Every structure is written in structure tokens, then in C-alpha cells.
Amino acid sequence: MFIILFLKVKTLIVGKNGLIARKIAEKTHKKQKNQSDFLFTSSNKASLDKKTIFLDLNNPNDFDYSVIKKFSNIIMLGGISSPDECENNPKKTKEINYYGTKFFIEKCLKLNAKVLFFSTDLVYGKSKSIFNENSVVNPECNYSFWKNNIEKIFINNNNFKVFRLSYVLSAEDKFLTYLYNCQLNNSIAEVFHPFYRNVIFIDDVVDATFNVFNSWEITNQINNICGNESISRKDIAESILSGEQIKVIDPGEAFWKIRPKIIHVESIFLKDILKKKLTSFDETINKLKKL
């Protein structure tokens, strides 16, 4: 059963079109009677409406920060999420993911807002160790390096918290969509292997997002948002396709240079944030098959 404890404070969700933001909006629209409690930002002026205001993290000084006085819970999902783009266009992406993000968060914290910053398990780098929230980080690509720098800048501020995401699985996941298309067309799916992450169901991520604001004072500052099981892309493919429809391939050194083949993470704190049992990988796949 999906349960949301609705936020008591008006909330600004930075990054309207991302997966998690869309899921928050979907659940909110279904469950929340007072839609004025939520506001989204977008850098695409064509997507602006009565619930969406303009924010360009490449130019954050132009934002109307008086909004923060009313919408004082900030869910920080905005930025460029592609590690490849961060490597290929470092100047452009650093302006958004580091400088713009830093400026915006600083402004919000000065206005006494609470900021939940979405980071990544890539900050841990390459290792066979199992990482928890107390582990030493070792970011090895631009994307994770800038994420970790934002964490370090604000880590001593009690109004700043971090969610380090592992692989979030949802019905809109590109890899799952690719697998279902292969199933539909009876074609071969090319799968990168070994490529392991602690897969977490999107609904658990959304629950954790709501719950952390409702228990802010007792929640740890840095939290791994991850499943209990280390799952490979091959495991995911085998949950959808027959063995003869799967072809394991190596994407090459350029791909692995910025993506560890294996990141094993666990969370000391997620269970207390969720206040429920994590959705297992098998349960997640079964839920998504019914959608």
C-alpha cells in the first residue's frame, strides 16, 4: 500500500520534468486536496503554468527568491543528470550542476528554507566494499565530483540534507522500456554486464522524500536511498526476457571510466525514514508489470 504523509509546509520542487518530480506530482494530484501547497520550477518557458515558475540554474540570480518565503521546503532535483554530458561538456554542465546549484541553495538557506539535495551513489567511486552513509567517498567523474562538492559546502547547515540515490526503477525507466520493446518485437536485447546497483522502487523514493521533511529534526543529514539487493542489468533483463533474447556486451572503457561496474551501497537510516519495509526487486518488477 502506498502511503504519503503530506507536507505541512509549502514545497518547491526544482526540476519539473525529471522522473522523481513527475512521480511526486502524480501522487500529489491524486491524494492532495490543496494543490496550492506545491510549486514546480522549469527552465523551459514553454512548460510554465500556474503551478510552474521559471528557474534557470545557469542564471539563478534572475529567480524571484521572494517565492521561498512561502514555499520553504525545497526538493532539489534540478540539474544535468547525464554523467556523459558532464564529461563531454564540462564548462556548460559545471555552471549548472555546481555554480548555479550552489548559488540557488545558498539563497534558499539564507531565507531559512529546508533543502533536500538529490545526490548520487557515484560519489563513492570504484571499490568492492559495501558503502554506508559513514563511508569515505571518492568521486571519479565530473557529475559525482560536483555533487559531492555541493554536499561538502552545506553539510554543516542543519537545514540541508542529502539523498544519495542508487538506481531508481520505475515504469518510465529507459532500460525497462527498451526490454519491453525487445519482448514485444521478439528482438535481442544488448545488456551491459557486469553493471550492479542497489535498485530501489520509485514509490519508496517518493515516500522517503515526503517523510524526511515530516521528521526533519531527527533524520540523518546524509542518506543512501537504495534497495537491499545488489542487482545487475542482466538480472533485470532476465526478469523480463528469456535467456535467448539477451546478449551480454561490454560497452567499452569510455563507458566504464565514469561508471563503476559495481557499487554496493546500504543505508543505516532509510528504514527509519520510510517507516515501512523496502519494496524488494521481485516485488518491484511485479508491480511494474501490472502498470
C-alpha atoms as a PDB file:
ATOM      1  CA  MET A   1       0.000   0.000   0.000  1.00  0.00           C
ATOM      2  CA  PHE A   2       1.384   3.407  -0.973  1.00  0.00           C
ATOM      3  CA  ILE A   3       1.187   5.861   1.920  1.00  0.00           C
ATOM      4  CA  ILE A   4       2.183   9.522   1.833  1.00  0.00           C
ATOM      5  CA  LEU A   5       2.360  11.764   4.883  1.00  0.00           C
ATOM      6  CA  PHE A   6       1.648  15.113   3.261  1.00  0.00           C
ATOM      7  CA  LEU A   7       3.914  18.002   3.995  1.00  0.00           C
ATOM      8  CA  LYS A   8       2.705  20.647   6.386  1.00  0.00           C
ATOM      9  CA  VAL A   9       4.808  23.370   4.704  1.00  0.00           C
ATOM     10  CA  LYS A  10       4.505  24.611   1.133  1.00  0.00           C
ATOM     11  CA  THR A  11       7.057  22.887  -1.082  1.00  0.00           C
ATOM     12  CA  LEU A  12       9.054  23.971  -4.131  1.00  0.00           C
ATOM     13  CA  ILE A  13      10.177  21.134  -6.411  1.00  0.00           C
ATOM     14  CA  VAL A  14      13.155  22.185  -8.529  1.00  0.00           C
ATOM     15  CA  GLY A  15      13.168  20.322 -11.844  1.00  0.00           C
ATOM     16  CA  LYS A  16       9.647  19.678 -13.081  1.00  0.00           C
ATOM     17  CA  ASN A  17      10.322  17.162 -15.820  1.00  0.00           C
ATOM     18  CA  GLY A  18      12.533  14.639 -14.059  1.00  0.00           C
ATOM     19  CA  LEU A  19      11.275  11.176 -13.141  1.00  0.00           C
ATOM     20  CA  ILE A  20      11.025  11.741  -9.392  1.00  0.00           C
ATOM     21  CA  ALA A  21       9.416  15.172  -9.779  1.00  0.00           C
ATOM     22  CA  ARG A  22       6.799  13.727 -12.144  1.00  0.00           C
ATOM     23  CA  LYS A  23       6.036  10.914  -9.699  1.00  0.00           C
ATOM     24  CA  ILE A  24       5.689  13.360  -6.815  1.00  0.00           C
ATOM     25  CA  ALA A  25       3.307  15.426  -8.948  1.00  0.00           C
ATOM     26  CA  GLU A  26       1.296  12.343  -9.916  1.00  0.00           C
ATOM     27  CA  LYS A  27       0.871  11.144  -6.344  1.00  0.00           C
ATOM     28  CA  THR A  28       0.174  14.662  -5.121  1.00  0.00           C
ATOM     29  CA  HIS A  29      -2.546  15.267  -7.691  1.00  0.00           C
ATOM     30  CA  LYS A  30      -4.256  12.021  -6.726  1.00  0.00           C
ATOM     31  CA  LYS A  31      -4.061  12.444  -2.969  1.00  0.00           C
ATOM     32  CA  GLN A  32      -3.709  16.112  -2.111  1.00  0.00           C
ATOM     33  CA  LYS A  33      -6.815  18.275  -1.979  1.00  0.00           C
ATOM     34  CA  ASN A  34      -4.956  21.572  -1.643  1.00  0.00           C
ATOM     35  CA  GLN A  35      -2.852  21.847  -4.809  1.00  0.00           C
ATOM     36  CA  SER A  36      -1.581  25.299  -3.763  1.00  0.00           C
ATOM     37  CA  ASP A  37       0.813  23.568  -1.359  1.00  0.00           C
ATOM     38  CA  PHE A  38       3.158  22.628  -4.218  1.00  0.00           C
ATOM     39  CA  LEU A  39       5.029  24.631  -6.831  1.00  0.00           C
ATOM     40  CA  PHE A  40       7.423  23.410  -9.507  1.00  0.00           C
ATOM     41  CA  THR A  41      10.258  25.080 -11.390  1.00  0.00           C
ATOM     42  CA  SER A  42      11.305  24.587 -15.001  1.00  0.00           C
ATOM     43  CA  SER A  43      13.962  26.092 -17.256  1.00  0.00           C
ATOM     44  CA  ASN A  44      11.648  25.511 -20.230  1.00  0.00           C
ATOM     45  CA  LYS A  45       9.454  28.578 -20.617  1.00  0.00           C
ATOM     46  CA  ALA A  46       7.003  26.603 -22.782  1.00  0.00           C
ATOM     47  CA  SER A  47       6.162  24.395 -19.781  1.00  0.00           C
ATOM     48  CA  LEU A  48       5.303  27.245 -17.410  1.00  0.00           C
ATOM     49  CA  ASP A  49       1.776  27.289 -15.979  1.00  0.00           C
ATOM     50  CA  LYS A  50       0.001  28.283 -12.780  1.00  0.00           C
ATOM     51  CA  LYS A  51       1.883  25.545 -10.903  1.00  0.00           C
ATOM     52  CA  THR A  52       5.284  26.077 -12.538  1.00  0.00           C
ATOM     53  CA  ILE A  53       7.649  29.044 -12.331  1.00  0.00           C
ATOM     54  CA  PHE A  54      10.824  29.758 -14.277  1.00  0.00           C
ATOM     55  CA  LEU A  55      14.234  28.883 -12.852  1.00  0.00           C
ATOM     56  CA  ASP A  56      17.368  28.597 -14.943  1.00  0.00           C
ATOM     57  CA  LEU A  57      20.245  27.243 -12.833  1.00  0.00           C
ATOM     58  CA  ASN A  58      22.570  28.653 -15.460  1.00  0.00           C
ATOM     59  CA  ASN A  59      21.281  32.071 -14.370  1.00  0.00           C
ATOM     60  CA  PRO A  60      19.963  31.622 -10.812  1.00  0.00           C
ATOM     61  CA  ASN A  61      20.373  35.301  -9.916  1.00  0.00           C
ATOM     62  CA  ASP A  62      17.289  36.080 -12.023  1.00  0.00           C
ATOM     63  CA  PHE A  63      14.989  33.927  -9.886  1.00  0.00           C
ATOM     64  CA  ASP A  64      12.348  35.607  -7.712  1.00  0.00           C
ATOM     65  CA  TYR A  65      13.525  34.459  -4.276  1.00  0.00           C
ATOM     66  CA  SER A  66      10.526  36.027  -2.538  1.00  0.00           C
ATOM     67  CA  VAL A  67       8.790  32.747  -3.518  1.00  0.00           C
ATOM     68  CA  ILE A  68      10.982  30.924  -0.974  1.00  0.00           C
ATOM     69  CA  LYS A  69       9.347  32.804   1.901  1.00  0.00           C
ATOM     70  CA  LYS A  70       6.139  30.943   1.083  1.00  0.00           C
ATOM     71  CA  PHE A  71       7.459  27.679  -0.399  1.00  0.00           C
ATOM     72  CA  SER A  72      10.128  26.937   2.191  1.00  0.00           C
ATOM     73  CA  ASN A  73      10.657  23.198   1.670  1.00  0.00           C
ATOM     74  CA  ILE A  74      12.938  22.746  -1.334  1.00  0.00           C
ATOM     75  CA  ILE A  75      13.250  19.419  -3.174  1.00  0.00           C
ATOM     76  CA  MET A  76      16.407  19.947  -5.224  1.00  0.00           C
ATOM     77  CA  LEU A  77      16.115  17.703  -8.294  1.00  0.00           C
ATOM     78  CA  GLY A  78      17.236  20.183 -10.964  1.00  0.00           C
ATOM     79  CA  GLY A  79      20.438  19.972 -12.986  1.00  0.00           C
ATOM     80  CA  ILE A  80      22.025  17.824 -15.687  1.00  0.00           C
ATOM     81  CA  SER A  81      21.790  14.160 -14.710  1.00  0.00           C
ATOM     82  CA  SER A  82      23.842  12.586 -17.504  1.00  0.00           C
ATOM     83  CA  PRO A  83      27.414  11.674 -16.455  1.00  0.00           C
ATOM     84  CA  ASP A  84      28.338  11.538 -20.153  1.00  0.00           C
ATOM     85  CA  GLU A  85      27.164  15.092 -20.772  1.00  0.00           C
ATOM     86  CA  CYS A  86      29.082  16.268 -17.711  1.00  0.00           C
ATOM     87  CA  GLU A  87      32.266  14.744 -19.148  1.00  0.00           C
ATOM     88  CA  ASN A  88      31.704  15.907 -22.723  1.00  0.00           C
ATOM     89  CA  ASN A  89      30.562  19.453 -21.872  1.00  0.00           C
ATOM     90  CA  PRO A  90      32.289  20.240 -18.563  1.00  0.00           C
ATOM     91  CA  LYS A  91      32.115  24.044 -18.789  1.00  0.00           C
ATOM     92  CA  LYS A  92      28.374  24.156 -19.509  1.00  0.00           C
ATOM     93  CA  THR A  93      27.400  21.461 -17.034  1.00  0.00           C
ATOM     94  CA  LYS A  94      29.588  22.824 -14.220  1.00  0.00           C
ATOM     95  CA  GLU A  95      27.808  26.180 -14.499  1.00  0.00           C
ATOM     96  CA  ILE A  96      24.503  24.413 -13.812  1.00  0.00           C
ATOM     97  CA  ASN A  97      25.388  21.459 -11.573  1.00  0.00           C
ATOM     98  CA  TYR A  98      27.890  23.303  -9.423  1.00  0.00           C
ATOM     99  CA  TYR A  99      27.884  27.105  -9.628  1.00  0.00           C
ATOM    100  CA  GLY A 100      24.170  27.598 -10.305  1.00  0.00           C
ATOM    101  CA  THR A 101      23.108  24.935  -7.824  1.00  0.00           C
ATOM    102  CA  LYS A 102      25.435  26.340  -5.146  1.00  0.00           C
ATOM    103  CA  PHE A 103      24.099  29.892  -5.657  1.00  0.00           C
ATOM    104  CA  PHE A 104      20.464  28.770  -5.502  1.00  0.00           C
ATOM    105  CA  ILE A 105      20.901  26.629  -2.378  1.00  0.00           C
ATOM    106  CA  GLU A 106      22.823  29.404  -0.600  1.00  0.00           C
ATOM    107  CA  LYS A 107      19.972  31.829  -1.279  1.00  0.00           C
ATOM    108  CA  CYS A 108      17.353  29.359  -0.041  1.00  0.00           C
ATOM    109  CA  LEU A 109      19.247  28.540   3.151  1.00  0.00           C
ATOM    110  CA  LYS A 110      19.729  32.238   3.921  1.00  0.00           C
ATOM    111  CA  LEU A 111      15.936  32.536   3.742  1.00  0.00           C
ATOM    112  CA  ASN A 112      15.698  29.707   6.309  1.00  0.00           C
ATOM    113  CA  ALA A 113      14.323  27.169   3.827  1.00  0.00           C
ATOM    114  CA  LYS A 114      14.906  23.442   4.240  1.00  0.00           C
ATOM    115  CA  VAL A 115      16.740  21.953   1.246  1.00  0.00           C
ATOM    116  CA  LEU A 116      16.714  18.267   0.297  1.00  0.00           C
ATOM    117  CA  PHE A 117      19.514  17.807  -2.244  1.00  0.00           C
ATOM    118  CA  PHE A 118      19.467  14.773  -4.518  1.00  0.00           C
ATOM    119  CA  SER A 119      22.954  13.362  -4.989  1.00  0.00           C
ATOM    120  CA  THR A 120      24.231  10.019  -6.287  1.00  0.00           C
ATOM    121  CA  ASP A 121      25.870   6.780  -5.157  1.00  0.00           C
ATOM    122  CA  LEU A 122      28.583   7.573  -7.742  1.00  0.00           C
ATOM    123  CA  VAL A 123      30.235   9.735  -5.068  1.00  0.00           C
ATOM    124  CA  TYR A 124      31.607   6.509  -3.531  1.00  0.00           C
ATOM    125  CA  GLY A 125      33.662   5.647  -6.609  1.00  0.00           C
ATOM    126  CA  LYS A 126      35.148   2.277  -7.546  1.00  0.00           C
ATOM    127  CA  SER A 127      35.530  -0.296  -4.788  1.00  0.00           C
ATOM    128  CA  LYS A 128      34.410  -3.807  -3.848  1.00  0.00           C
ATOM    129  CA  SER A 129      33.444  -2.503  -0.405  1.00  0.00           C
ATOM    130  CA  ILE A 130      29.863  -2.069   0.789  1.00  0.00           C
ATOM    131  CA  PHE A 131      29.282   1.638   1.378  1.00  0.00           C
ATOM    132  CA  ASN A 132      27.027   3.165   4.006  1.00  0.00           C
ATOM    133  CA  GLU A 133      26.472   6.803   4.954  1.00  0.00           C
ATOM    134  CA  ASN A 134      29.641   6.825   7.096  1.00  0.00           C
ATOM    135  CA  SER A 135      31.912   5.547   4.314  1.00  0.00           C
ATOM    136  CA  VAL A 136      34.651   7.678   2.759  1.00  0.00           C
ATOM    137  CA  VAL A 137      33.704   9.000  -0.688  1.00  0.00           C
ATOM    138  CA  ASN A 138      35.883   9.013  -3.799  1.00  0.00           C
ATOM    139  CA  PRO A 139      34.082  10.707  -6.728  1.00  0.00           C
ATOM    140  CA  GLU A 140      35.794   9.917 -10.031  1.00  0.00           C
ATOM    141  CA  CYS A 141      33.799  11.810 -12.673  1.00  0.00           C
ATOM    142  CA  ASN A 142      32.595  15.388 -13.102  1.00  0.00           C
ATOM    143  CA  TYR A 143      28.984  14.534 -12.286  1.00  0.00           C
ATOM    144  CA  SER A 144      29.781  12.893  -8.938  1.00  0.00           C
ATOM    145  CA  PHE A 145      32.583  15.346  -8.112  1.00  0.00           C
ATOM    146  CA  TRP A 146      30.264  18.351  -8.379  1.00  0.00           C
ATOM    147  CA  LYS A 147      27.520  16.556  -6.445  1.00  0.00           C
ATOM    148  CA  ASN A 148      29.983  15.808  -3.649  1.00  0.00           C
ATOM    149  CA  ASN A 149      31.277  19.392  -3.617  1.00  0.00           C
ATOM    150  CA  ILE A 150      27.726  20.670  -3.089  1.00  0.00           C
ATOM    151  CA  GLU A 151      27.338  18.195  -0.218  1.00  0.00           C
ATOM    152  CA  LYS A 152      30.573  19.370   1.419  1.00  0.00           C
ATOM    153  CA  ILE A 153      29.755  23.064   1.136  1.00  0.00           C
ATOM    154  CA  PHE A 154      26.468  22.823   3.017  1.00  0.00           C
ATOM    155  CA  ILE A 155      26.976  19.784   5.233  1.00  0.00           C
ATOM    156  CA  ASN A 156      27.235  21.853   8.430  1.00  0.00           C
ATOM    157  CA  ASN A 157      23.887  23.564   7.828  1.00  0.00           C
ATOM    158  CA  ASN A 158      21.044  21.891   9.732  1.00  0.00           C
ATOM    159  CA  ASN A 159      18.557  22.951   7.045  1.00  0.00           C
ATOM    160  CA  PHE A 160      20.395  20.931   4.375  1.00  0.00           C
ATOM    161  CA  LYS A 161      20.023  17.187   3.820  1.00  0.00           C
ATOM    162  CA  VAL A 162      21.245  14.804   1.141  1.00  0.00           C
ATOM    163  CA  PHE A 163      19.698  11.806  -0.624  1.00  0.00           C
ATOM    164  CA  ARG A 164      22.359   9.740  -2.427  1.00  0.00           C
ATOM    165  CA  LEU A 165      20.358   7.826  -4.993  1.00  0.00           C
ATOM    166  CA  SER A 166      21.169   4.398  -6.318  1.00  0.00           C
ATOM    167  CA  TYR A 167      19.376   3.095  -9.435  1.00  0.00           C
ATOM    168  CA  VAL A 168      15.704   4.102  -9.258  1.00  0.00           C
ATOM    169  CA  LEU A 169      13.412   1.680 -11.077  1.00  0.00           C
ATOM    170  CA  SER A 170      10.054   2.838 -12.456  1.00  0.00           C
ATOM    171  CA  ALA A 171       7.667   2.193 -15.330  1.00  0.00           C
ATOM    172  CA  GLU A 172       9.326   5.112 -17.160  1.00  0.00           C
ATOM    173  CA  ASP A 173      12.838   3.705 -16.841  1.00  0.00           C
ATOM    174  CA  LYS A 174      14.599   3.763 -20.233  1.00  0.00           C
ATOM    175  CA  PHE A 175      16.222   0.375 -19.773  1.00  0.00           C
ATOM    176  CA  LEU A 176      12.947  -1.305 -18.798  1.00  0.00           C
ATOM    177  CA  THR A 177      11.210   0.339 -21.762  1.00  0.00           C
ATOM    178  CA  TYR A 178      13.947  -1.000 -24.032  1.00  0.00           C
ATOM    179  CA  LEU A 179      13.496  -4.521 -22.612  1.00  0.00           C
ATOM    180  CA  TYR A 180       9.718  -4.435 -23.054  1.00  0.00           C
ATOM    181  CA  ASN A 181      10.171  -3.283 -26.665  1.00  0.00           C
ATOM    182  CA  CYS A 182      12.531  -6.203 -27.260  1.00  0.00           C
ATOM    183  CA  GLN A 183       9.942  -8.528 -25.750  1.00  0.00           C
ATOM    184  CA  LEU A 184       7.190  -7.058 -27.933  1.00  0.00           C
ATOM    185  CA  ASN A 185       9.252  -7.244 -31.117  1.00  0.00           C
ATOM    186  CA  ASN A 186      10.897 -10.572 -30.259  1.00  0.00           C
ATOM    187  CA  SER A 187      14.305  -8.954 -30.717  1.00  0.00           C
ATOM    188  CA  ILE A 188      17.636  -9.392 -28.941  1.00  0.00           C
ATOM    189  CA  ALA A 189      18.385  -7.078 -26.020  1.00  0.00           C
ATOM    190  CA  GLU A 190      22.006  -5.972 -25.674  1.00  0.00           C
ATOM    191  CA  VAL A 191      22.827  -5.741 -21.974  1.00  0.00           C
ATOM    192  CA  PHE A 192      25.895  -4.262 -20.278  1.00  0.00           C
ATOM    193  CA  HIS A 193      27.419  -6.652 -17.747  1.00  0.00           C
ATOM    194  CA  PRO A 194      28.682  -6.597 -15.044  1.00  0.00           C
ATOM    195  CA  PHE A 195      26.746  -3.470 -14.021  1.00  0.00           C
ATOM    196  CA  TYR A 196      25.425  -3.738 -10.441  1.00  0.00           C
ATOM    197  CA  ARG A 197      23.474  -1.246  -8.312  1.00  0.00           C
ATOM    198  CA  ASN A 198      21.171  -1.455  -5.274  1.00  0.00           C
ATOM    199  CA  VAL A 199      17.936  -0.958  -7.175  1.00  0.00           C
ATOM    200  CA  ILE A 200      15.140   0.918  -5.385  1.00  0.00           C
ATOM    201  CA  PHE A 201      11.480   1.246  -6.399  1.00  0.00           C
ATOM    202  CA  ILE A 202      10.384   4.763  -7.346  1.00  0.00           C
ATOM    203  CA  ASP A 203       7.475   4.717  -4.860  1.00  0.00           C
ATOM    204  CA  ASP A 204       9.916   4.129  -1.992  1.00  0.00           C
ATOM    205  CA  VAL A 205      11.950   7.142  -3.129  1.00  0.00           C
ATOM    206  CA  VAL A 206       8.851   9.340  -3.176  1.00  0.00           C
ATOM    207  CA  ASP A 207       7.765   8.101   0.261  1.00  0.00           C
ATOM    208  CA  ALA A 208      11.206   8.831   1.674  1.00  0.00           C
ATOM    209  CA  THR A 209      11.127  12.327   0.165  1.00  0.00           C
ATOM    210  CA  PHE A 210       7.873  13.223   1.875  1.00  0.00           C
ATOM    211  CA  ASN A 211       8.791  11.565   5.149  1.00  0.00           C
ATOM    212  CA  VAL A 212      12.156  13.268   5.558  1.00  0.00           C
ATOM    213  CA  PHE A 213      10.510  16.689   5.692  1.00  0.00           C
ATOM    214  CA  ASN A 214       7.964  15.486   8.225  1.00  0.00           C
ATOM    215  CA  SER A 215      10.719  14.202  10.527  1.00  0.00           C
ATOM    216  CA  TRP A 216      13.462  16.696   9.635  1.00  0.00           C
ATOM    217  CA  GLU A 217      14.904  17.215  13.112  1.00  0.00           C
ATOM    218  CA  ILE A 218      15.533  13.516  13.741  1.00  0.00           C
ATOM    219  CA  THR A 219      16.664  12.489  10.242  1.00  0.00           C
ATOM    220  CA  ASN A 220      20.322  11.960   9.391  1.00  0.00           C
ATOM    221  CA  GLN A 221      21.915  14.609   7.186  1.00  0.00           C
ATOM    222  CA  ILE A 222      23.229  12.191   4.535  1.00  0.00           C
ATOM    223  CA  ASN A 223      21.101   9.222   3.481  1.00  0.00           C
ATOM    224  CA  ASN A 224      21.674   6.461   0.958  1.00  0.00           C
ATOM    225  CA  ILE A 225      18.462   5.851  -0.964  1.00  0.00           C
ATOM    226  CA  CYS A 226      18.903   2.284  -2.136  1.00  0.00           C
ATOM    227  CA  GLY A 227      17.439  -1.186  -2.157  1.00  0.00           C
ATOM    228  CA  ASN A 228      18.657  -4.105  -0.063  1.00  0.00           C
ATOM    229  CA  GLU A 229      19.680  -6.193  -3.083  1.00  0.00           C
ATOM    230  CA  SER A 230      22.587  -5.695  -5.479  1.00  0.00           C
ATOM    231  CA  ILE A 231      21.008  -6.137  -8.916  1.00  0.00           C
ATOM    232  CA  SER A 232      22.703  -6.198 -12.317  1.00  0.00           C
ATOM    233  CA  ARG A 233      21.259  -5.016 -15.613  1.00  0.00           C
ATOM    234  CA  LYS A 234      21.438  -8.688 -16.632  1.00  0.00           C
ATOM    235  CA  ASP A 235      19.256  -9.607 -13.617  1.00  0.00           C
ATOM    236  CA  ILE A 236      16.713  -7.002 -14.712  1.00  0.00           C
ATOM    237  CA  ALA A 237      16.745  -8.300 -18.286  1.00  0.00           C
ATOM    238  CA  GLU A 238      16.235 -11.877 -17.102  1.00  0.00           C
ATOM    239  CA  SER A 239      13.157 -10.788 -15.133  1.00  0.00           C
ATOM    240  CA  ILE A 240      11.544  -9.669 -18.423  1.00  0.00           C
ATOM    241  CA  LEU A 241      13.069 -11.746 -21.230  1.00  0.00           C
ATOM    242  CA  SER A 242      14.031 -15.330 -21.905  1.00  0.00           C
ATOM    243  CA  GLY A 243      17.720 -16.187 -21.897  1.00  0.00           C
ATOM    244  CA  GLU A 244      17.973 -16.480 -25.681  1.00  0.00           C
ATOM    245  CA  GLN A 245      16.746 -12.885 -26.053  1.00  0.00           C
ATOM    246  CA  ILE A 246      19.641 -11.474 -24.004  1.00  0.00           C
ATOM    247  CA  LYS A 247      23.081 -10.696 -25.402  1.00  0.00           C
ATOM    248  CA  VAL A 248      25.715  -9.575 -22.899  1.00  0.00           C
ATOM    249  CA  ILE A 249      28.059  -6.917 -24.279  1.00  0.00           C
ATOM    250  CA  ASP A 250      30.880  -4.735 -22.992  1.00  0.00           C
ATOM    251  CA  PRO A 251      30.255  -1.025 -23.699  1.00  0.00           C
ATOM    252  CA  GLY A 252      33.972  -0.231 -23.620  1.00  0.00           C
ATOM    253  CA  GLU A 253      36.405   1.702 -21.470  1.00  0.00           C
ATOM    254  CA  ALA A 254      34.891   5.147 -22.117  1.00  0.00           C
ATOM    255  CA  PHE A 255      31.635   3.990 -20.520  1.00  0.00           C
ATOM    256  CA  TRP A 256      33.275   2.327 -17.507  1.00  0.00           C
ATOM    257  CA  LYS A 257      35.667   5.221 -16.936  1.00  0.00           C
ATOM    258  CA  ILE A 258      32.864   7.300 -15.428  1.00  0.00           C
ATOM    259  CA  ARG A 259      30.705   4.460 -14.110  1.00  0.00           C
ATOM    260  CA  PRO A 260      31.952   1.820 -11.657  1.00  0.00           C
ATOM    261  CA  LYS A 261      30.870  -1.645 -12.758  1.00  0.00           C
ATOM    262  CA  ILE A 262      29.739  -2.340  -9.213  1.00  0.00           C
ATOM    263  CA  ILE A 263      28.552  -0.003  -6.471  1.00  0.00           C
ATOM    264  CA  HIS A 264      27.299  -1.842  -3.393  1.00  0.00           C
ATOM    265  CA  VAL A 265      25.533   0.526  -1.012  1.00  0.00           C
ATOM    266  CA  GLU A 266      23.418   0.074   2.071  1.00  0.00           C
ATOM    267  CA  SER A 267      21.614   2.536   4.288  1.00  0.00           C
ATOM    268  CA  ILE A 268      21.790   2.807   8.053  1.00  0.00           C
ATOM    269  CA  PHE A 269      18.897   5.274   8.102  1.00  0.00           C
ATOM    270  CA  LEU A 270      16.462   4.583   5.244  1.00  0.00           C
ATOM    271  CA  LYS A 271      14.325   2.095   7.162  1.00  0.00           C
ATOM    272  CA  ASP A 272      13.608   4.711   9.826  1.00  0.00           C
ATOM    273  CA  ILE A 273      12.781   7.323   7.201  1.00  0.00           C
ATOM    274  CA  LEU A 274      10.384   5.048   5.304  1.00  0.00           C
ATOM    275  CA  LYS A 275       8.700   3.597   8.388  1.00  0.00           C
ATOM    276  CA  LYS A 276       7.876   0.532   6.286  1.00  0.00           C
ATOM    277  CA  LYS A 277       9.582  -2.405   4.598  1.00  0.00           C
ATOM    278  CA  LEU A 278      11.504  -1.621   1.438  1.00  0.00           C
ATOM    279  CA  THR A 279       9.959  -2.980  -1.763  1.00  0.00           C
ATOM    280  CA  SER A 280      12.085  -5.918  -2.931  1.00  0.00           C
ATOM    281  CA  PHE A 281      13.337  -6.216  -6.501  1.00  0.00           C
ATOM    282  CA  ASP A 282      10.890  -9.050  -7.296  1.00  0.00           C
ATOM    283  CA  GLU A 283       8.009  -7.036  -5.831  1.00  0.00           C
ATOM    284  CA  THR A 284       9.087  -4.007  -7.842  1.00  0.00           C
ATOM    285  CA  ILE A 285       9.133  -5.938 -11.121  1.00  0.00           C
ATOM    286  CA  ASN A 286       5.732  -7.469 -10.375  1.00  0.00           C
ATOM    287  CA  LYS A 287       4.249  -4.032  -9.619  1.00  0.00           C
ATOM    288  CA  LEU A 288       5.692  -2.549 -12.796  1.00  0.00           C
ATOM    289  CA  LYS A 289       4.416  -5.441 -14.943  1.00  0.00           C
ATOM    290  CA  LYS A 290       0.879  -4.595 -13.818  1.00  0.00           C
ATOM    291  CA  LEU A 291       1.121  -0.949 -14.876  1.00  0.00           C
END
